[in-house]
PDB file of N, CA and C in Angstrom:
ATOM      1  N   MET A   1       0.557  -0.737   0.256  1.00  0.00           N
ATOM      2  CA  MET A   1       0.311   0.080   0.398  1.00  0.00           C
ATOM      3  C   MET A   1       0.549   1.414  -0.284  1.00  0.00           C
ATOM      4  N   PRO A   2       0.782   2.518  -0.483  1.00  0.00           N
ATOM      5  CA  PRO A   2       1.044   3.493  -0.818  1.00  0.00           C
ATOM      6  C   PRO A   2       1.194   4.309   0.745  1.00  0.00           C
ATOM      7  N   ASP A   3       2.271   4.649   0.779  1.00  0.00           N
ATOM      8  CA  ASP A   3       1.857   5.522   2.401  1.00  0.00           C
ATOM      9  C   ASP A   3       0.932   6.980   2.237  1.00  0.00           C
ATOM     10  N   CYS A   4       1.377   7.200   0.884  1.00  0.00           N
ATOM     11  CA  CYS A   4       0.317   8.815   0.870  1.00  0.00           C
ATOM     12  C   CYS A   4      -0.234   8.622  -0.314  1.00  0.00           C
ATOM     13  N   ILE A   5      -2.047   9.324  -0.741  1.00  0.00           N
ATOM     14  CA  ILE A   5      -2.381   8.983  -1.933  1.00  0.00           C
ATOM     15  C   ILE A   5      -3.048  10.714  -1.892  1.00  0.00           C
ATOM     16  N   LEU A   6      -2.398  11.992  -3.384  1.00  0.00           N
ATOM     17  CA  LEU A   6      -2.870  12.444  -3.400  1.00  0.00           C
ATOM     18  C   LEU A   6      -3.801  13.061  -4.659  1.00  0.00           C
ATOM     19  N   VAL A   7      -5.325  13.096  -3.929  1.00  0.00           N
ATOM     20  CA  VAL A   7      -6.701  13.145  -4.853  1.00  0.00           C
ATOM     21  C   VAL A   7      -7.380  14.324  -5.258  1.00  0.00           C
ATOM     22  N   ASP A   8      -7.052  14.536  -6.941  1.00  0.00           N
ATOM     23  CA  ASP A   8      -7.853  15.555  -7.200  1.00  0.00           C
ATOM     24  C   ASP A   8      -9.108  15.227  -7.560  1.00  0.00           C
ATOM     25  N   LEU A   9      -9.659  16.287  -7.589  1.00  0.00           N
ATOM     26  CA  LEU A   9     -11.244  15.851  -7.928  1.00  0.00           C
ATOM     27  C   LEU A   9     -11.850  16.122  -9.522  1.00  0.00           C
ATOM     28  N   ASN A  10     -10.869  16.713  -9.887  1.00  0.00           N
ATOM     29  CA  ASN A  10     -10.575  16.279 -11.601  1.00  0.00           C
ATOM     30  C   ASN A  10     -10.119  14.865 -12.079  1.00  0.00           C
ATOM     31  N   MET A  11     -10.159  14.634 -11.709  1.00  0.00           N
ATOM     32  CA  MET A  11      -9.310  13.466 -12.685  1.00  0.00           C
ATOM     33  C   MET A  11     -10.406  12.226 -13.607  1.00  0.00           C
ATOM     34  N   PRO A  12      -9.179  11.371 -14.280  1.00  0.00           N
ATOM     35  CA  PRO A  12      -9.727  10.865 -15.601  1.00  0.00           C
ATOM     36  C   PRO A  12     -10.898   9.146 -15.151  1.00  0.00           C
ATOM     37  N   GLU A  13     -11.366   9.177 -15.466  1.00  0.00           N
ATOM     38  CA  GLU A  13     -12.532   7.438 -15.210  1.00  0.00           C
ATOM     39  C   GLU A  13     -12.842   7.808 -13.950  1.00  0.00           C
ATOM     40  N   MET A  14     -12.506   8.228 -13.334  1.00  0.00           N
ATOM     41  CA  MET A  14     -13.316   8.436 -11.608  1.00  0.00           C
ATOM     42  C   MET A  14     -12.379   9.993 -10.883  1.00  0.00           C
ATOM     43  N   ASN A  15     -13.808  10.928 -10.488  1.00  0.00           N
ATOM     44  CA  ASN A  15     -14.080  11.527 -10.071  1.00  0.00           C
ATOM     45  C   ASN A  15     -13.154  11.115  -8.860  1.00  0.00           C
ATOM     46  N   GLY A  16     -12.527  13.100  -7.949  1.00  0.00           N
ATOM     47  CA  GLY A  16     -12.043  12.480  -6.959  1.00  0.00           C
ATOM     48  C   GLY A  16     -13.188  12.443  -6.359  1.00  0.00           C
ATOM     49  N   PHE A  17     -14.277  13.360  -5.666  1.00  0.00           N
ATOM     50  CA  PHE A  17     -15.882  11.987  -4.976  1.00  0.00           C
ATOM     51  C   PHE A  17     -15.843  10.027  -4.857  1.00  0.00           C
ATOM     52  N   GLU A  18     -15.834  10.410  -6.260  1.00  0.00           N
ATOM     53  CA  GLU A  18     -15.972   8.219  -6.475  1.00  0.00           C
ATOM     54  C   GLU A  18     -14.843   7.844  -6.052  1.00  0.00           C
ATOM     55  N   PHE A  19     -13.996   8.436  -5.997  1.00  0.00           N
ATOM     56  CA  PHE A  19     -12.462   7.647  -5.055  1.00  0.00           C
ATOM     57  C   PHE A  19     -12.665   7.239  -3.878  1.00  0.00           C
ATOM     58  N   LEU A  20     -13.019   8.389  -3.086  1.00  0.00           N
ATOM     59  CA  LEU A  20     -13.990   8.576  -1.523  1.00  0.00           C
ATOM     60  C   LEU A  20     -14.535   7.768  -1.739  1.00  0.00           C
ATOM     61  N   GLU A  21     -15.351   7.226  -2.260  1.00  0.00           N
ATOM     62  CA  GLU A  21     -16.439   6.323  -1.469  1.00  0.00           C
ATOM     63  C   GLU A  21     -15.659   5.217  -2.308  1.00  0.00           C
ATOM     64  N   TYR A  22     -14.994   4.881  -2.773  1.00  0.00           N
ATOM     65  CA  TYR A  22     -14.379   3.379  -3.302  1.00  0.00           C
ATOM     66  C   TYR A  22     -13.437   2.862  -1.771  1.00  0.00           C
ATOM     67  N   CYS A  23     -12.495   4.374  -1.581  1.00  0.00           N
ATOM     68  CA  CYS A  23     -12.446   3.925  -0.670  1.00  0.00           C
ATOM     69  C   CYS A  23     -12.624   3.693   0.451  1.00  0.00           C
ATOM     70  N   ASN A  24     -13.804   4.126   0.679  1.00  0.00           N
ATOM     71  CA  ASN A  24     -14.409   3.954   2.104  1.00  0.00           C
ATOM     72  C   ASN A  24     -14.990   2.888   2.024  1.00  0.00           C
ATOM     73  N   GLN A  25     -14.945   2.025   1.172  1.00  0.00           N
ATOM     74  CA  GLN A  25     -15.444   0.760   1.156  1.00  0.00           C
ATOM     75  C   GLN A  25     -13.730  -0.212   2.575  1.00  0.00           C
ATOM     76  N   TYR A  26     -12.673  -0.220   2.408  1.00  0.00           N
ATOM     77  CA  TYR A  26     -11.852  -0.568   2.272  1.00  0.00           C
ATOM     78  C   TYR A  26     -10.495   0.029   3.479  1.00  0.00           C
ATOM     79  N   VAL A  27     -11.306   1.458   4.398  1.00  0.00           N
ATOM     80  CA  VAL A  27     -10.077   2.601   5.003  1.00  0.00           C
ATOM     81  C   VAL A  27     -10.195   1.786   6.697  1.00  0.00           C
ATOM     82  N   ALA A  28     -11.111   0.595   7.049  1.00  0.00           N
ATOM     83  CA  ALA A  28     -10.508  -0.311   7.859  1.00  0.00           C
ATOM     84  C   ALA A  28      -9.826  -1.152   7.779  1.00  0.00           C
ATOM     85  N   GLY A  29      -9.609  -1.440   6.501  1.00  0.00           N
ATOM     86  CA  GLY A  29      -8.654  -2.475   6.832  1.00  0.00           C
ATOM     87  C   GLY A  29      -7.351  -2.175   6.002  1.00  0.00           C
ATOM     88  N   PRO A  30      -6.455  -2.465   5.096  1.00  0.00           N
ATOM     89  CA  PRO A  30      -5.202  -2.644   4.507  1.00  0.00           C
ATOM     90  C   PRO A  30      -4.909  -0.106   4.216  1.00  0.00           C
ATOM     91  N   MET A  31      -5.986  -0.077   4.018  1.00  0.00           N
ATOM     92  CA  MET A  31      -6.311   0.879   3.780  1.00  0.00           C
ATOM     93  C   MET A  31      -6.408   2.713   5.162  1.00  0.00           C
ATOM     94  N   SER A  32      -6.411   1.573   6.134  1.00  0.00           N
ATOM     95  CA  SER A  32      -6.496   2.069   7.277  1.00  0.00           C
ATOM     96  C   SER A  32      -5.003   3.405   8.185  1.00  0.00           C
ATOM     97  N   PHE A  33      -3.910   2.746   7.292  1.00  0.00           N
ATOM     98  CA  PHE A  33      -2.745   3.694   7.458  1.00  0.00           C
ATOM     99  C   PHE A  33      -2.515   4.268   6.772  1.00  0.00           C
ATOM    100  N   VAL A  34      -3.183   4.896   5.421  1.00  0.00           N
ATOM    101  CA  VAL A  34      -2.727   6.094   4.372  1.00  0.00           C
ATOM    102  C   VAL A  34      -3.355   6.793   4.461  1.00  0.00           C
ATOM    103  N   HIS A  35      -2.298   7.782   3.938  1.00  0.00           N
ATOM    104  CA  HIS A  35      -2.411   9.205   4.685  1.00  0.00           C
ATOM    105  C   HIS A  35      -3.596   9.612   3.065  1.00  0.00           C
ATOM    106  N   ILE A  36      -4.370  10.247   2.792  1.00  0.00           N
ATOM    107  CA  ILE A  36      -5.439  10.515   1.792  1.00  0.00           C
ATOM    108  C   ILE A  36      -5.372  11.874   1.922  1.00  0.00           C
ATOM    109  N   TYR A  37      -5.121  12.692   0.528  1.00  0.00           N
ATOM    110  CA  TYR A  37      -5.530  14.485   1.118  1.00  0.00           C
ATOM    111  C   TYR A  37      -6.067  14.642  -0.429  1.00  0.00           C
ATOM    112  N   MET A  38      -6.852  15.765  -0.187  1.00  0.00           N
ATOM    113  CA  MET A  38      -7.934  16.573  -2.059  1.00  0.00           C
ATOM    114  C   MET A  38      -7.384  16.965  -1.726  1.00  0.00           C
ATOM    115  N   VAL A  39      -6.808  16.880  -2.943  1.00  0.00           N
ATOM    116  CA  VAL A  39      -5.549  18.260  -3.857  1.00  0.00           C
ATOM    117  C   VAL A  39      -6.628  18.957  -4.861  1.00  0.00           C
ATOM    118  N   THR A  40      -6.766  19.956  -4.810  1.00  0.00           N
ATOM    119  CA  THR A  40      -7.972  20.768  -5.679  1.00  0.00           C
ATOM    120  C   THR A  40      -7.579  21.706  -6.774  1.00  0.00           C
ATOM    121  N   SER A  41      -7.955  22.544  -7.996  1.00  0.00           N
ATOM    122  CA  SER A  41      -8.425  24.001  -7.825  1.00  0.00           C
ATOM    123  C   SER A  41      -9.512  24.179  -7.332  1.00  0.00           C
ATOM    124  N   SER A  42     -10.251  23.333  -7.105  1.00  0.00           N
ATOM    125  CA  SER A  42     -11.457  24.126  -6.865  1.00  0.00           C
ATOM    126  C   SER A  42     -11.925  25.207  -4.989  1.00  0.00           C
ATOM    127  N   LEU A  43     -12.341  25.941  -6.060  1.00  0.00           N
ATOM    128  CA  LEU A  43     -13.078  27.311  -4.051  1.00  0.00           C
ATOM    129  C   LEU A  43     -13.880  27.244  -3.893  1.00  0.00           C
ATOM    130  N   TYR A  44     -14.227  25.974  -3.633  1.00  0.00           N
ATOM    131  CA  TYR A  44     -15.994  26.305  -3.548  1.00  0.00           C
ATOM    132  C   TYR A  44     -16.138  25.302  -2.571  1.00  0.00           C
ATOM    133  N   GLU A  45     -17.217  25.559  -1.241  1.00  0.00           N
ATOM    134  CA  GLU A  45     -16.773  25.234   0.171  1.00  0.00           C
ATOM    135  C   GLU A  45     -17.630  24.044  -0.053  1.00  0.00           C
ATOM    136  N   SER A  46     -18.777  24.166  -0.657  1.00  0.00           N
ATOM    137  CA  SER A  46     -20.056  22.133  -0.669  1.00  0.00           C
ATOM    138  C   SER A  46     -18.649  21.065  -1.176  1.00  0.00           C
ATOM    139  N   ASP A  47     -17.642  21.708  -1.839  1.00  0.00           N
ATOM    140  CA  ASP A  47     -16.396  20.786  -1.949  1.00  0.00           C
ATOM    141  C   ASP A  47     -15.427  20.276  -0.736  1.00  0.00           C
ATOM    142  N   ARG A  48     -15.367  21.500  -0.713  1.00  0.00           N
ATOM    143  CA  ARG A  48     -14.971  21.237   0.694  1.00  0.00           C
ATOM    144  C   ARG A  48     -15.025  20.359   1.800  1.00  0.00           C
ATOM    145  N   GLU A  49     -16.239  21.057   2.172  1.00  0.00           N
ATOM    146  CA  GLU A  49     -17.317  20.010   3.003  1.00  0.00           C
ATOM    147  C   GLU A  49     -17.635  18.400   2.864  1.00  0.00           C
ATOM    148  N   LYS A  50     -18.129  18.201   1.764  1.00  0.00           N
ATOM    149  CA  LYS A  50     -18.856  16.680   1.282  1.00  0.00           C
ATOM    150  C   LYS A  50     -16.579  16.008   1.239  1.00  0.00           C
ATOM    151  N   ALA A  51     -15.670  16.255   0.780  1.00  0.00           N
ATOM    152  CA  ALA A  51     -15.022  16.088   0.860  1.00  0.00           C
ATOM    153  C   ALA A  51     -14.288  15.525   2.125  1.00  0.00           C
ATOM    154  N   LEU A  52     -13.638  16.566   3.241  1.00  0.00           N
ATOM    155  CA  LEU A  52     -14.239  16.419   4.874  1.00  0.00           C
ATOM    156  C   LEU A  52     -15.103  15.492   4.837  1.00  0.00           C
ATOM    157  N   SER A  53     -15.849  15.304   5.056  1.00  0.00           N
ATOM    158  CA  SER A  53     -17.164  14.201   5.582  1.00  0.00           C
ATOM    159  C   SER A  53     -16.802  13.205   5.515  1.00  0.00           C
ATOM    160  N   PHE A  54     -15.618  12.295   5.218  1.00  0.00           N
ATOM    161  CA  PHE A  54     -15.033  11.289   5.152  1.00  0.00           C
ATOM    162  C   PHE A  54     -14.055  11.537   5.862  1.00  0.00           C
ATOM    163  N   SER A  55     -14.264  10.385   7.355  1.00  0.00           N
ATOM    164  CA  SER A  55     -13.383  11.011   8.510  1.00  0.00           C
ATOM    165  C   SER A  55     -12.165  10.392   8.024  1.00  0.00           C
ATOM    166  N   PHE A  56     -11.832   9.806   7.310  1.00  0.00           N
ATOM    167  CA  PHE A  56     -10.497   9.354   7.178  1.00  0.00           C
ATOM    168  C   PHE A  56      -9.249  10.173   6.338  1.00  0.00           C
ATOM    169  N   LEU A  57      -9.329  11.107   5.369  1.00  0.00           N
ATOM    170  CA  LEU A  57      -8.944  12.154   5.005  1.00  0.00           C
ATOM    171  C   LEU A  57      -8.481  12.893   5.610  1.00  0.00           C
ATOM    172  N   LYS A  58      -7.125  12.506   5.477  1.00  0.00           N
ATOM    173  CA  LYS A  58      -6.528  14.011   6.032  1.00  0.00           C
ATOM    174  C   LYS A  58      -5.915  14.689   5.854  1.00  0.00           C
ATOM    175  N   GLY A  59      -6.444  15.658   4.834  1.00  0.00           N
ATOM    176  CA  GLY A  59      -6.894  17.517   4.424  1.00  0.00           C
ATOM    177  C   GLY A  59      -7.688  17.806   3.036  1.00  0.00           C
ATOM    178  N   PHE A  60      -7.902  19.048   3.119  1.00  0.00           N
ATOM    179  CA  PHE A  60      -7.977  19.321   1.887  1.00  0.00           C
ATOM    180  C   PHE A  60      -7.274  20.578   1.520  1.00  0.00           C
ATOM    181  N   ARG A  61      -6.333  19.896   0.795  1.00  0.00           N
ATOM    182  CA  ARG A  61      -5.676  21.298   0.024  1.00  0.00           C
ATOM    183  C   ARG A  61      -5.589  22.096  -1.391  1.00  0.00           C
ATOM    184  N   GLU A  62      -6.009  23.267  -1.078  1.00  0.00           N
ATOM    185  CA  GLU A  62      -5.690  23.972  -3.201  1.00  0.00           C
ATOM    186  C   GLU A  62      -4.761  24.254  -3.396  1.00  0.00           C
ATOM    187  N   LYS A  63      -4.682  23.544  -4.936  1.00  0.00           N
ATOM    188  CA  LYS A  63      -3.232  24.282  -5.554  1.00  0.00           C
ATOM    189  C   LYS A  63      -3.277  25.571  -5.961  1.00  0.00           C
ATOM    190  N   PRO A  64      -2.532  25.739  -5.943  1.00  0.00           N
ATOM    191  CA  PRO A  64      -0.890  24.943  -6.294  1.00  0.00           C
ATOM    192  C   PRO A  64      -0.662  24.507  -5.198  1.00  0.00           C
ATOM    193  N   LEU A  65      -0.242  23.815  -4.297  1.00  0.00           N
ATOM    194  CA  LEU A  65       0.610  23.092  -3.171  1.00  0.00           C
ATOM    195  C   LEU A  65       2.012  24.010  -3.231  1.00  0.00           C
ATOM    196  N   SER A  66       2.392  24.391  -1.749  1.00  0.00           N
ATOM    197  CA  SER A  66       3.639  24.965  -1.480  1.00  0.00           C
ATOM    198  C   SER A  66       4.366  24.260  -1.240  1.00  0.00           C
ATOM    199  N   LYS A  67       5.673  23.717  -0.794  1.00  0.00           N
ATOM    200  CA  LYS A  67       7.241  23.652  -0.047  1.00  0.00           C
ATOM    201  C   LYS A  67       6.608  23.419   1.204  1.00  0.00           C
ATOM    202  N   GLU A  68       5.835  24.298   1.137  1.00  0.00           N
ATOM    203  CA  GLU A  68       5.500  24.452   2.947  1.00  0.00           C
ATOM    204  C   GLU A  68       4.303  23.046   3.690  1.00  0.00           C
ATOM    205  N   ILE A  69       3.434  23.428   3.226  1.00  0.00           N
ATOM    206  CA  ILE A  69       2.439  22.543   2.348  1.00  0.00           C
ATOM    207  C   ILE A  69       2.207  20.664   2.282  1.00  0.00           C
ATOM    208  N   VAL A  70       3.530  20.682   1.171  1.00  0.00           N
ATOM    209  CA  VAL A  70       4.356  19.526   0.749  1.00  0.00           C
ATOM    210  C   VAL A  70       4.580  18.719   2.222  1.00  0.00           C
ATOM    211  N   THR A  71       5.781  19.764   3.063  1.00  0.00           N
ATOM    212  CA  THR A  71       6.931  20.152   4.244  1.00  0.00           C
ATOM    213  C   THR A  71       5.590  18.365   5.538  1.00  0.00           C
ATOM    214  N   GLU A  72       4.612  20.249   5.856  1.00  0.00           N
ATOM    215  CA  GLU A  72       3.216  19.463   6.501  1.00  0.00           C
ATOM    216  C   GLU A  72       2.744  18.215   6.107  1.00  0.00           C
ATOM    217  N   MET A  73       2.199  17.479   5.367  1.00  0.00           N
ATOM    218  CA  MET A  73       2.048  16.126   5.247  1.00  0.00           C
ATOM    219  C   MET A  73       2.862  15.491   5.329  1.00  0.00           C
ATOM    220  N   LEU A  74       4.107  15.588   4.634  1.00  0.00           N
ATOM    221  CA  LEU A  74       5.141  14.704   5.115  1.00  0.00           C
ATOM    222  C   LEU A  74       5.007  14.186   6.441  1.00  0.00           C
ATOM    223  N   GLU A  75       5.191  15.602   7.459  1.00  0.00           N
ATOM    224  CA  GLU A  75       5.974  15.377   8.749  1.00  0.00           C
ATOM    225  C   GLU A  75       4.521  14.434   9.617  1.00  0.00           C
ATOM    226  N   LEU A  76       3.054  14.799   9.002  1.00  0.00           N
ATOM    227  CA  LEU A  76       1.928  13.887   8.846  1.00  0.00           C
ATOM    228  C   LEU A  76       1.980  12.744   9.262  1.00  0.00           C
ATOM    229  N   MET A  77       2.573  12.568   7.919  1.00  0.00           N
ATOM    230  CA  MET A  77       2.871  10.759   7.324  1.00  0.00           C
ATOM    231  C   MET A  77       3.556  10.635   8.099  1.00  0.00           C
ATOM    232  N   LEU A  78       4.649  10.524   8.888  1.00  0.00           N
ATOM    233  CA  LEU A  78       5.994  10.329   9.560  1.00  0.00           C
ATOM    234  C   LEU A  78       5.457  10.205  10.474  1.00  0.00           C
ATOM    235  N   MET A  79       4.423  11.366  11.211  1.00  0.00           N
ATOM    236  CA  MET A  79       4.462  11.422  13.340  1.00  0.00           C
ATOM    237  C   MET A  79       2.833  10.100  13.052  1.00  0.00           C
ATOM    238  N   GLY A  80       2.213   9.616  12.081  1.00  0.00           N
ATOM    239  CA  GLY A  80       1.187   8.727  12.086  1.00  0.00           C
ATOM    240  C   GLY A  80       2.731   6.944  11.728  1.00  0.00           C
ATOM    241  N   LYS A  81       3.432   7.467  10.723  1.00  0.00           N
ATOM    242  CA  LYS A  81       4.316   6.165  10.910  1.00  0.00           C
ATOM    243  C   LYS A  81       4.490   5.510  12.129  1.00  0.00           C
ATOM    244  N   GLU A  82       4.807   6.956  12.909  1.00  0.00           N
ATOM    245  CA  GLU A  82       5.410   5.993  14.338  1.00  0.00           C
ATOM    246  C   GLU A  82       4.899   5.897  14.862  1.00  0.00           C
ATOM    247  N   ARG A  83       3.770   6.752  15.012  1.00  0.00           N
ATOM    248  CA  ARG A  83       2.307   5.682  15.979  1.00  0.00           C
ATOM    249  C   ARG A  83       2.074   3.774  16.075  1.00  0.00           C
ATOM    250  N   GLN A  84       2.041   3.727  14.704  1.00  0.00           N
ATOM    251  CA  GLN A  84       1.583   2.131  14.177  1.00  0.00           C
ATOM    252  C   GLN A  84       3.373   1.553  14.862  1.00  0.00           C
ATOM    253  N   GLN A  85       4.219   1.951  14.981  1.00  0.00           N
ATOM    254  CA  GLN A  85       5.132   1.346  15.679  1.00  0.00           C
ATOM    255  C   GLN A  85       5.349   0.335  17.108  1.00  0.00           C
TER     256      GLN A  85
END
Protein backbone atom coordinates (compact mmCIF):
# COMPACT_ATOMS: atom_id res chain seq x y z
CA MET A 1 0.00 0.00 0.00
CA PRO A 2 1.21 3.54 -0.61
CA ASP A 3 1.97 5.80 2.34
CA CYS A 4 0.17 8.78 0.83
CA ILE A 5 -2.37 9.42 -1.93
CA LEU A 6 -3.11 12.86 -3.39
CA VAL A 7 -6.58 12.90 -4.94
CA ASP A 8 -7.80 15.58 -7.33
CA LEU A 9 -11.51 16.26 -7.80
CA ASN A 10 -11.11 16.17 -11.58
CA MET A 11 -9.49 12.90 -12.59
CA PRO A 12 -10.07 10.72 -15.66
CA GLU A 13 -12.19 7.59 -15.27
CA MET A 14 -13.21 8.35 -11.67
CA ASN A 15 -13.56 11.76 -10.00
CA GLY A 16 -12.13 12.46 -6.55
CA PHE A 17 -15.41 11.89 -4.73
CA GLU A 18 -15.94 8.56 -6.48
CA PHE A 19 -12.43 7.57 -5.43
CA LEU A 20 -13.14 8.53 -1.81
CA GLU A 21 -16.37 6.51 -1.87
CA TYR A 22 -14.40 3.52 -3.17
CA CYS A 23 -11.73 3.96 -0.48
CA ASN A 24 -14.43 4.25 2.18
CA GLN A 25 -15.13 0.54 1.67
CA TYR A 26 -11.53 -0.37 2.55
CA VAL A 27 -10.49 2.24 5.11
CA ALA A 28 -10.87 -0.17 8.04
CA GLY A 29 -8.53 -2.69 6.44
CA PRO A 30 -5.43 -2.12 4.36
CA MET A 31 -6.27 1.54 3.67
CA SER A 32 -6.36 2.48 7.36
CA PHE A 33 -2.72 3.57 7.41
CA VAL A 34 -2.72 5.46 4.10
CA HIS A 35 -2.74 9.26 4.32
CA ILE A 36 -5.22 10.54 1.75
CA TYR A 37 -5.42 14.23 0.86
CA MET A 38 -7.80 15.98 -1.50
CA VAL A 39 -5.77 18.37 -3.67
CA THR A 40 -7.78 20.59 -5.97
CA SER A 41 -8.16 23.96 -7.60
CA SER A 42 -11.84 24.06 -6.59
CA LEU A 43 -12.80 27.07 -4.50
CA TYR A 44 -16.28 25.78 -3.67
CA GLU A 45 -16.92 25.44 0.05
CA SER A 46 -19.38 22.64 -0.73
CA ASP A 47 -16.52 20.59 -2.23
CA ARG A 48 -14.44 21.14 0.90
CA GLU A 49 -17.32 20.15 3.19
CA LYS A 50 -18.15 17.06 1.15
CA ALA A 51 -14.51 15.94 1.06
CA LEU A 52 -14.01 16.47 4.78
CA SER A 53 -17.12 14.42 5.52
CA PHE A 54 -14.91 11.38 4.87
CA SER A 55 -13.41 10.85 8.32
CA PHE A 56 -10.30 9.13 6.94
CA LEU A 57 -9.34 12.10 4.73
CA LYS A 58 -6.30 13.82 6.25
CA GLY A 59 -6.87 17.18 4.60
CA PHE A 60 -8.20 19.33 1.78
CA ARG A 61 -5.54 21.42 0.06
CA GLU A 62 -5.83 23.95 -2.72
CA LYS A 63 -3.49 23.85 -5.70
CA PRO A 64 -0.85 24.86 -6.32
CA LEU A 65 0.82 23.14 -3.40
CA SER A 66 3.60 25.03 -1.68
CA LYS A 67 6.75 23.52 -0.25
CA GLU A 68 5.39 24.29 3.23
CA ILE A 69 2.15 22.36 2.62
CA VAL A 70 3.99 19.33 1.23
CA THR A 71 6.38 19.41 4.20
CA GLU A 72 3.42 19.56 6.61
CA MET A 73 1.76 16.56 4.92
CA LEU A 74 5.02 14.62 5.06
CA GLU A 75 5.50 15.39 8.76
CA LEU A 76 1.95 14.23 9.57
CA MET A 77 2.52 11.04 7.61
CA LEU A 78 5.79 10.33 9.43
CA MET A 79 4.16 10.97 12.82
CA GLY A 80 1.45 8.48 11.91
CA LYS A 81 4.03 5.86 10.97
CA GLU A 82 5.79 6.32 14.32
CA ARG A 83 2.50 5.67 16.15
CA GLN A 84 2.01 2.44 14.19
CA GLN A 85 5.30 1.00 15.45
